[in-house]
Amino acid sequence: MQYRDLGSTGVKVSPLCLGCMNFGSRTEETESIRIIHEALDAGINFVDTANVYGRGASETILGKALKGRRDQVVIATKFVGSVGPGPNDRGASRSHAVQQVEASLMRLDTDRIDLYQLHLPDPETPIEETLAALTDLIRQGKVHYIGTSNFAAWQICEALWMGERYNLARPVCEQPGYNILWRSNEKELLPFCTKYGIAVIPLHPLASGWLSGKYRKGREAPPDSRGIAQKWDFASPRSQQRLEAIERLIALAEELGITLSQMSLAWLLAKPSVTSPIIGPRTLEQYRDNVAALDVVLEEGILQKVDEIVPPGTNLWP
């Protein structure tokens, strides 16, 4: 396993991050723990969850799985999302940050969170209030580093500037949407993160299953797929455009003797701005397919062919 720097920190993380969003909701506990253990045994030392995943069940399962192995792992979790009906059960206020870090620590059964991330921007809370609260948590030893998720470049810039101005903790990592079909972040966000040493751990690397090869032009979607459950409109012009691109991408992957998901992950791993794509397997089979991408190296000619199918900076999803 070739480990990578988490941005400008001294922390080393695996080139794939195990996302735990499905654990405790779409994946039951025993299977979830089996996936986590197999990932740890393979050398993956970076896991990502959130307080809202499975209404806290994801963090609880992760805590159980890491019994006796906590020091091997860099744990990333998130807050800001709604955890209840009350007006203060969401957001990036000092009150919510302090409350949620304690709840996450309890569920994870640990004394510290390695990377504590804002799950999304909170326009109602001044970023300096959030950074001050997170700085206190770092000083207390409950959090080691902080990061952002779903932030625009200007919002990360504001956080860096306010942190510098008031001598507060600054984000070391951003978790943006990024995959072969979703390339608009190449225009500004990714260059910004590279310039200022911000780690990039892309979410949706397989575009919610579109880049797994399960959705094909002229074929029925699998009955147990997310697309059927959420009643996606596969006949829309945008979906048809996406399916056309996917057919070409599948053909390219078949030429290489790999799956579309492996090629999609290897494509992200080849990007200099990317630290660790977040895989989100629902089953052990999906995990094993995804982790095999670590053995795939895409040559420049293949990367150019991908650019011809989906040009840099464009969006075919979501």
Protein backbone atom coordinates (compact mmCIF):
# COMPACT_ATOMS: atom_id res chain seq x y z
CA MET A 1 0.00 0.00 0.00
CA GLN A 2 1.43 3.36 -1.05
CA TYR A 3 0.17 5.88 1.50
CA ARG A 4 -0.44 9.53 0.69
CA ASP A 5 -0.15 12.79 2.62
CA LEU A 6 -3.40 14.19 3.98
CA GLY A 7 -2.90 17.62 2.47
CA SER A 8 -0.17 19.62 4.16
CA THR A 9 -0.36 17.59 7.38
CA GLY A 10 2.03 14.85 8.40
CA VAL A 11 -0.75 12.26 8.44
CA LYS A 12 -0.47 9.37 5.98
CA VAL A 13 -3.65 7.86 4.57
CA SER A 14 -4.43 5.04 2.17
CA PRO A 15 -5.20 5.97 -1.46
CA LEU A 16 -8.76 4.73 -0.99
CA CYS A 17 -10.95 5.86 1.90
CA LEU A 18 -13.64 3.46 3.11
CA GLY A 19 -16.95 5.31 3.20
CA CYS A 20 -19.39 4.02 5.81
CA MET A 21 -22.61 5.69 4.67
CA ASN A 22 -24.40 2.38 3.93
CA PHE A 23 -23.45 0.74 7.22
CA GLY A 24 -26.40 0.50 9.57
CA SER A 25 -28.93 1.37 6.87
CA ARG A 26 -28.55 -0.48 3.56
CA THR A 27 -25.92 -2.87 5.00
CA GLU A 28 -26.59 -4.74 8.22
CA GLU A 29 -24.08 -4.77 11.07
CA THR A 30 -22.40 -8.16 10.53
CA GLU A 31 -21.71 -7.49 6.85
CA SER A 32 -20.57 -3.95 7.64
CA ILE A 33 -18.01 -5.15 10.17
CA ARG A 34 -16.81 -7.84 7.74
CA ILE A 35 -16.18 -5.16 5.09
CA ILE A 36 -14.37 -2.89 7.57
CA HIS A 37 -12.12 -5.71 8.79
CA GLU A 38 -11.24 -6.82 5.28
CA ALA A 39 -10.36 -3.23 4.38
CA LEU A 40 -8.12 -2.87 7.43
CA ASP A 41 -6.43 -6.18 6.63
CA ALA A 42 -5.74 -4.89 3.11
CA GLY A 43 -3.96 -1.82 4.51
CA ILE A 44 -6.75 0.74 4.18
CA ASN A 45 -6.33 3.03 7.18
CA PHE A 46 -8.75 5.84 6.30
CA VAL A 47 -12.50 5.63 7.04
CA ASP A 48 -15.21 8.24 6.60
CA THR A 49 -18.61 8.43 8.27
CA ALA A 50 -21.01 11.07 9.60
CA ASN A 51 -23.32 11.62 12.54
CA VAL A 52 -26.38 11.42 10.26
CA TYR A 53 -25.51 8.15 8.49
CA GLY A 54 -28.03 5.57 9.63
CA ARG A 55 -29.09 8.05 12.31
CA GLY A 56 -25.84 7.35 14.13
CA ALA A 57 -25.76 3.61 13.44
CA SER A 58 -22.82 3.96 11.04
CA GLU A 59 -20.60 5.49 13.72
CA THR A 60 -21.71 2.88 16.26
CA ILE A 61 -20.89 0.00 13.91
CA LEU A 62 -17.53 1.54 13.05
CA GLY A 63 -16.72 1.86 16.75
CA LYS A 64 -17.49 -1.83 17.27
CA ALA A 65 -15.40 -2.85 14.26
CA LEU A 66 -12.36 -0.90 15.46
CA LYS A 67 -12.19 -2.52 18.90
CA GLY A 68 -8.51 -3.21 19.51
CA ARG A 69 -7.52 -1.60 16.18
CA ARG A 70 -8.31 2.07 16.79
CA ASP A 71 -4.71 3.26 16.52
CA GLN A 72 -4.39 1.77 13.02
CA VAL A 73 -7.08 4.04 11.60
CA VAL A 74 -7.62 7.66 10.64
CA ILE A 75 -11.29 8.29 11.47
CA ALA A 76 -13.13 11.06 9.64
CA THR A 77 -16.66 11.99 10.60
CA LYS A 78 -18.94 14.96 9.98
CA PHE A 79 -21.54 17.23 11.54
CA VAL A 80 -23.92 20.07 10.49
CA GLY A 81 -26.72 17.89 9.08
CA SER A 82 -30.04 17.63 10.91
CA VAL A 83 -30.16 15.11 13.78
CA GLY A 84 -33.56 16.04 15.18
CA PRO A 85 -36.66 18.21 14.88
CA GLY A 86 -35.45 21.13 16.96
CA PRO A 87 -34.12 24.40 15.51
CA ASN A 88 -30.70 23.79 17.08
CA ASP A 89 -30.45 20.15 15.97
CA ARG A 90 -28.50 21.17 12.88
CA GLY A 91 -25.94 23.68 11.71
CA ALA A 92 -22.37 24.72 12.43
CA SER A 93 -22.93 26.75 15.61
CA ARG A 94 -20.65 26.34 18.60
CA SER A 95 -23.50 24.72 20.51
CA HIS A 96 -24.19 22.11 17.82
CA ALA A 97 -20.50 21.40 17.16
CA VAL A 98 -19.75 20.73 20.85
CA GLN A 99 -22.88 18.63 21.29
CA GLN A 100 -22.29 16.54 18.20
CA VAL A 101 -18.61 15.86 18.77
CA GLU A 102 -19.50 14.35 22.15
CA ALA A 103 -22.23 12.21 20.58
CA SER A 104 -19.89 11.01 17.83
CA LEU A 105 -17.11 10.20 20.30
CA MET A 106 -19.53 8.10 22.31
CA ARG A 107 -20.86 6.19 19.30
CA LEU A 108 -17.38 5.65 17.88
CA ASP A 109 -16.16 4.54 21.32
CA THR A 110 -13.01 6.61 21.01
CA ASP A 111 -11.39 9.57 22.76
CA ARG A 112 -10.57 11.54 19.61
CA ILE A 113 -11.68 12.14 16.04
CA ASP A 114 -8.82 12.44 13.58
CA LEU A 115 -10.65 14.52 10.98
CA TYR A 116 -13.82 16.41 11.92
CA GLN A 117 -15.59 17.85 8.89
CA LEU A 118 -18.39 20.31 8.22
CA HIS A 119 -20.79 18.17 6.20
CA LEU A 120 -21.98 21.19 4.23
CA PRO A 121 -21.80 24.99 4.51
CA ASP A 122 -24.03 26.71 7.07
CA PRO A 123 -24.86 30.20 5.76
CA GLU A 124 -26.55 31.15 9.04
CA THR A 125 -23.45 30.72 11.21
CA PRO A 126 -20.37 32.94 10.85
CA ILE A 127 -17.45 30.72 9.87
CA GLU A 128 -15.32 32.31 12.61
CA GLU A 129 -17.77 31.00 15.26
CA THR A 130 -17.45 27.49 13.86
CA LEU A 131 -13.66 27.67 13.62
CA ALA A 132 -13.38 28.98 17.19
CA ALA A 133 -15.44 26.05 18.48
CA LEU A 134 -13.42 23.53 16.48
CA THR A 135 -10.17 25.13 17.66
CA ASP A 136 -11.27 24.57 21.26
CA LEU A 137 -12.04 20.94 20.47
CA ILE A 138 -8.55 20.54 19.00
CA ARG A 139 -6.99 22.09 22.11
CA GLN A 140 -8.99 19.67 24.25
CA GLY A 141 -7.59 16.76 22.25
CA LYS A 142 -11.02 15.62 21.05
CA VAL A 143 -10.28 16.51 17.42
CA HIS A 144 -6.95 16.45 15.57
CA TYR A 145 -7.76 18.15 12.25
CA ILE A 146 -10.76 19.80 10.65
CA GLY A 147 -12.09 19.70 7.12
CA THR A 148 -14.99 20.68 4.90
CA SER A 149 -17.40 18.90 2.59
CA ASN A 150 -19.44 20.27 -0.31
CA PHE A 151 -17.76 23.68 0.03
CA ALA A 152 -17.06 26.01 -2.88
CA ALA A 153 -13.53 27.29 -3.36
CA TRP A 154 -14.46 30.74 -2.06
CA GLN A 155 -15.93 29.22 1.11
CA ILE A 156 -12.74 27.28 1.84
CA CYS A 157 -10.78 30.45 1.10
CA GLU A 158 -12.90 32.36 3.62
CA ALA A 159 -12.27 29.67 6.25
CA LEU A 160 -8.51 29.82 5.61
CA TRP A 161 -8.53 33.61 5.76
CA MET A 162 -10.59 33.83 8.95
CA GLY A 163 -8.44 31.16 10.54
CA GLU A 164 -5.32 33.13 9.66
CA ARG A 165 -6.84 36.40 10.84
CA TYR A 166 -7.99 35.13 14.24
CA ASN A 167 -5.35 32.43 14.78
CA LEU A 168 -7.89 29.63 14.56
CA ALA A 169 -7.76 26.09 13.17
CA ARG A 170 -7.99 25.90 9.40
CA PRO A 171 -9.39 23.12 7.21
CA VAL A 172 -6.84 20.65 5.85
CA CYS A 173 -9.23 18.65 3.68
CA GLU A 174 -12.21 19.09 1.36
CA GLN A 175 -14.72 16.40 0.39
CA PRO A 176 -16.22 17.42 -2.97
CA GLY A 177 -18.32 15.59 -5.52
CA TYR A 178 -15.99 14.44 -8.28
CA ASN A 179 -16.02 11.62 -10.81
CA ILE A 180 -15.69 11.01 -14.56
CA LEU A 181 -19.24 12.25 -15.14
CA TRP A 182 -19.02 15.20 -12.73
CA ARG A 183 -15.99 17.32 -13.67
CA SER A 184 -17.05 20.92 -13.03
CA ASN A 185 -14.91 21.10 -9.89
CA GLU A 186 -11.84 20.87 -12.13
CA LYS A 187 -12.38 24.50 -13.10
CA GLU A 188 -11.78 26.16 -9.73
CA LEU A 189 -12.08 23.98 -6.63
CA LEU A 190 -9.41 21.39 -7.41
CA PRO A 191 -6.78 23.94 -8.55
CA PHE A 192 -7.50 25.95 -5.40
CA CYS A 193 -7.01 22.91 -3.15
CA THR A 194 -3.78 21.99 -4.91
CA LYS A 195 -2.46 25.55 -4.60
CA TYR A 196 -3.11 25.75 -0.86
CA GLY A 197 -2.28 22.20 0.18
CA ILE A 198 -5.84 21.07 0.88
CA ALA A 199 -6.40 17.31 0.65
CA VAL A 200 -9.19 16.22 -1.68
CA ILE A 201 -11.20 13.12 -0.79
CA PRO A 202 -13.88 12.88 -3.49
CA LEU A 203 -17.34 11.60 -2.65
CA HIS A 204 -19.57 9.94 -5.25
CA PRO A 205 -16.58 8.47 -7.15
CA LEU A 206 -18.97 6.09 -8.92
CA ALA A 207 -21.77 8.64 -9.39
CA SER A 208 -24.25 6.78 -7.17
CA GLY A 209 -23.82 3.61 -9.22
CA TRP A 210 -23.86 5.11 -12.72
CA LEU A 211 -20.14 4.32 -13.03
CA SER A 212 -20.50 0.81 -11.66
CA GLY A 213 -21.88 -0.46 -14.97
CA LYS A 214 -25.26 -1.48 -13.54
CA TYR A 215 -27.18 1.03 -15.68
CA ARG A 216 -26.95 0.31 -19.40
CA LYS A 217 -28.53 1.83 -22.48
CA GLY A 218 -31.52 -0.22 -23.67
CA ARG A 219 -31.53 -2.46 -20.61
CA GLU A 220 -33.69 -2.57 -17.49
CA ALA A 221 -32.10 -1.30 -14.29
CA PRO A 222 -31.54 -3.95 -11.60
CA PRO A 223 -34.71 -4.26 -9.47
CA ASP A 224 -32.77 -3.79 -6.21
CA SER A 225 -30.83 -0.73 -7.44
CA ARG A 226 -31.01 2.81 -6.11
CA GLY A 227 -32.26 3.98 -9.47
CA ILE A 228 -35.40 1.86 -9.18
CA ALA A 229 -35.93 2.68 -5.48
CA GLN A 230 -35.66 6.43 -6.15
CA LYS A 231 -37.58 6.25 -9.45
CA TRP A 232 -34.90 7.82 -11.62
CA ASP A 233 -36.03 8.93 -15.07
CA PHE A 234 -33.75 6.90 -17.32
CA ALA A 235 -35.62 8.12 -20.41
CA SER A 236 -34.81 11.81 -19.90
CA PRO A 237 -32.48 13.44 -22.46
CA ARG A 238 -29.82 13.99 -19.77
CA SER A 239 -29.97 10.35 -18.65
CA GLN A 240 -29.72 9.18 -22.25
CA GLN A 241 -26.67 11.40 -22.80
CA ARG A 242 -25.13 9.92 -19.67
CA LEU A 243 -25.90 6.36 -20.79
CA GLU A 244 -24.27 7.02 -24.17
CA ALA A 245 -21.08 8.08 -22.39
CA ILE A 246 -21.24 5.09 -20.07
CA GLU A 247 -21.45 2.66 -22.99
CA ARG A 248 -18.26 4.15 -24.41
CA LEU A 249 -16.57 4.04 -21.01
CA ILE A 250 -17.56 0.40 -20.50
CA ALA A 251 -16.07 -0.48 -23.88
CA LEU A 252 -12.83 1.23 -22.85
CA ALA A 253 -12.75 -0.65 -19.53
CA GLU A 254 -13.37 -3.95 -21.31
CA GLU A 255 -10.39 -3.29 -23.56
CA LEU A 256 -8.31 -3.04 -20.39
CA GLY A 257 -9.84 -6.17 -18.87
CA ILE A 258 -11.24 -4.35 -15.84
CA THR A 259 -14.66 -3.25 -14.63
CA LEU A 260 -16.03 0.23 -15.19
CA SER A 261 -15.94 0.93 -11.45
CA GLN A 262 -12.25 -0.04 -11.28
CA MET A 263 -11.42 2.20 -14.23
CA SER A 264 -13.42 5.07 -12.70
CA LEU A 265 -11.57 4.79 -9.39
CA ALA A 266 -8.20 4.39 -11.10
CA TRP A 267 -8.99 7.54 -13.10
CA LEU A 268 -9.44 9.47 -9.84
CA LEU A 269 -6.30 7.94 -8.34
CA ALA A 270 -4.36 9.24 -11.35
CA LYS A 271 -5.40 12.84 -10.65
CA PRO A 272 -2.61 14.79 -8.88
CA SER A 273 -5.16 16.86 -6.95
CA VAL A 274 -6.87 13.78 -5.46
CA THR A 275 -5.77 12.26 -2.17
CA SER A 276 -8.22 9.42 -1.50
CA PRO A 277 -11.52 8.73 -3.28
CA ILE A 278 -14.23 7.59 -0.86
CA ILE A 279 -15.63 4.22 -1.84
CA GLY A 280 -19.06 3.39 -0.38
CA PRO A 281 -19.63 -0.34 -0.78
CA ARG A 282 -22.97 -1.86 0.19
CA THR A 283 -21.70 -5.44 -0.02
CA LEU A 284 -18.43 -7.28 0.40
CA GLU A 285 -18.51 -8.08 -3.32
CA GLN A 286 -18.69 -4.37 -4.17
CA TYR A 287 -15.82 -3.64 -1.79
CA ARG A 288 -13.61 -6.29 -3.41
CA ASP A 289 -14.36 -4.92 -6.86
CA ASN A 290 -13.54 -1.38 -5.74
CA VAL A 291 -10.32 -2.17 -3.89
CA ALA A 292 -8.95 -3.94 -6.97
CA ALA A 293 -8.63 -0.48 -8.53
CA LEU A 294 -5.47 -0.02 -6.46
CA ASP A 295 -3.73 -2.41 -8.85
CA VAL A 296 -4.81 -0.47 -11.96
CA VAL A 297 -2.58 2.15 -13.54
CA LEU A 298 -4.09 4.05 -16.46
CA GLU A 299 -1.69 5.16 -19.16
CA GLU A 300 -1.84 8.66 -20.58
CA GLY A 301 -3.51 7.42 -23.74
CA ILE A 302 -6.41 5.98 -21.73
CA LEU A 303 -6.79 9.21 -19.78
CA GLN A 304 -6.99 11.09 -23.06
CA LYS A 305 -9.71 8.74 -24.32
CA VAL A 306 -11.73 9.40 -21.16
CA ASP A 307 -11.35 13.14 -21.83
CA GLU A 308 -12.74 12.61 -25.33
CA ILE A 309 -15.83 10.90 -23.89
CA VAL A 310 -16.39 13.38 -21.07
CA PRO A 311 -14.34 16.58 -21.67
CA PRO A 312 -12.58 18.21 -18.69
CA GLY A 313 -14.71 20.60 -16.68
CA THR A 314 -18.05 19.33 -17.99
CA ASN A 315 -20.97 17.73 -16.17
CA LEU A 316 -23.12 14.77 -17.16
CA TRP A 317 -24.13 14.05 -13.53
CA PRO A 318 -25.97 14.77 -11.30
